Protein backbone atom coordinates (compact mmCIF):
# COMPACT_ATOMS: atom_id res chain seq x y z
CA MET A 1 31.01 124.24 216.65
CA LEU A 2 34.82 125.12 216.18
CA PHE A 3 36.30 122.12 216.59
CA GLN A 4 35.46 118.27 216.41
CA LYS A 5 34.02 116.28 219.12
CA ASP A 6 35.50 113.36 218.27
CA ILE A 7 39.50 113.82 217.37
CA GLU A 8 41.12 110.61 216.09
CA PRO A 9 43.91 110.95 218.65
CA ARG A 10 47.56 111.25 217.13
CA CYS A 11 50.81 111.93 218.33
CA ALA A 12 50.88 114.49 215.34
CA TYR A 13 48.89 116.87 217.28
CA CYS A 14 49.37 116.10 220.99
CA ALA A 15 50.25 118.36 223.71
CA ARG A 16 52.93 116.23 225.16
CA GLY A 17 54.46 115.47 221.64
CA THR A 18 56.70 117.68 219.62
CA GLN A 19 57.63 117.21 215.74
CA LEU A 20 61.16 116.05 215.46
CA GLU A 21 61.21 116.15 211.92
CA GLU A 22 59.21 114.94 208.84
CA GLY A 23 58.00 110.98 210.21
CA LYS A 24 58.96 111.42 214.23
CA VAL A 25 57.20 113.20 217.12
CA LEU A 26 58.97 113.39 220.15
CA CYS A 27 56.73 111.96 223.13
CA LEU A 28 57.21 113.03 227.03
CA LYS A 29 55.38 109.44 227.33
CA ARG A 30 56.75 106.99 225.14
CA GLY A 31 60.07 108.48 223.31
CA VAL A 32 60.46 109.13 219.66
CA VAL A 33 57.34 107.73 217.83
CA SER A 34 55.65 108.02 214.31
CA PRO A 35 52.70 110.91 214.26
CA GLY A 36 50.35 108.49 213.67
CA ASP A 37 50.21 106.58 216.73
CA SER A 38 48.98 107.17 220.06
CA CYS A 39 48.33 106.23 224.09
CA ARG A 40 46.07 107.06 226.24
CA GLY A 41 47.97 109.97 227.48
CA PHE A 42 46.54 111.93 224.42
CA ARG A 43 45.70 115.30 225.10
CA TYR A 44 44.05 117.31 222.31
CA ASP A 45 46.26 120.51 220.99
CA PRO A 46 44.13 122.32 218.43
CA LEU A 47 47.54 124.69 217.82
CA LYS A 48 49.08 121.97 216.02
CA ARG A 49 46.88 120.58 214.11
CA VAL A 50 47.45 121.53 210.40
CA PRO A 51 43.60 121.41 208.14
CA PRO A 52 43.73 120.09 204.29
CA PRO A 53 44.35 122.67 201.80
CA PRO A 54 41.42 124.11 200.67
CA ALA A 55 40.11 122.33 197.23
CA ALA A 56 40.75 124.40 194.11
CA PRO A 57 37.54 125.56 192.59
CA ASP A 58 36.64 124.34 189.30
CA PHE A 59 35.98 126.74 186.52
CA SER A 60 36.34 124.43 183.49
CA HIS A 61 32.44 124.68 183.24
CA LEU A 62 31.78 128.39 182.75
CA LYS A 63 31.48 130.22 179.64
CA ASP A 64 32.59 133.78 178.78
CA GLU A 65 29.51 134.70 178.61
CA ASP A 66 28.54 133.77 182.12
CA PHE A 67 30.76 136.77 183.08
CA VAL A 68 28.59 139.50 181.42
CA LEU A 69 26.66 142.33 182.98
């Protein structure tokens, strides 16, 4: 499945919202709001959602012998 079925509504990734600056979203229905707000007019736009960065791998437990053929 590409997208989750139960996306938490947030103005930050709503199709009706436009990012103004860090911490402010311009909503067509409610005006300037916080990115964490939501309303009943929420429409999910997957292109606005930024995924969390991937976790950095931890190689500290590996030894030099693990890389020898």
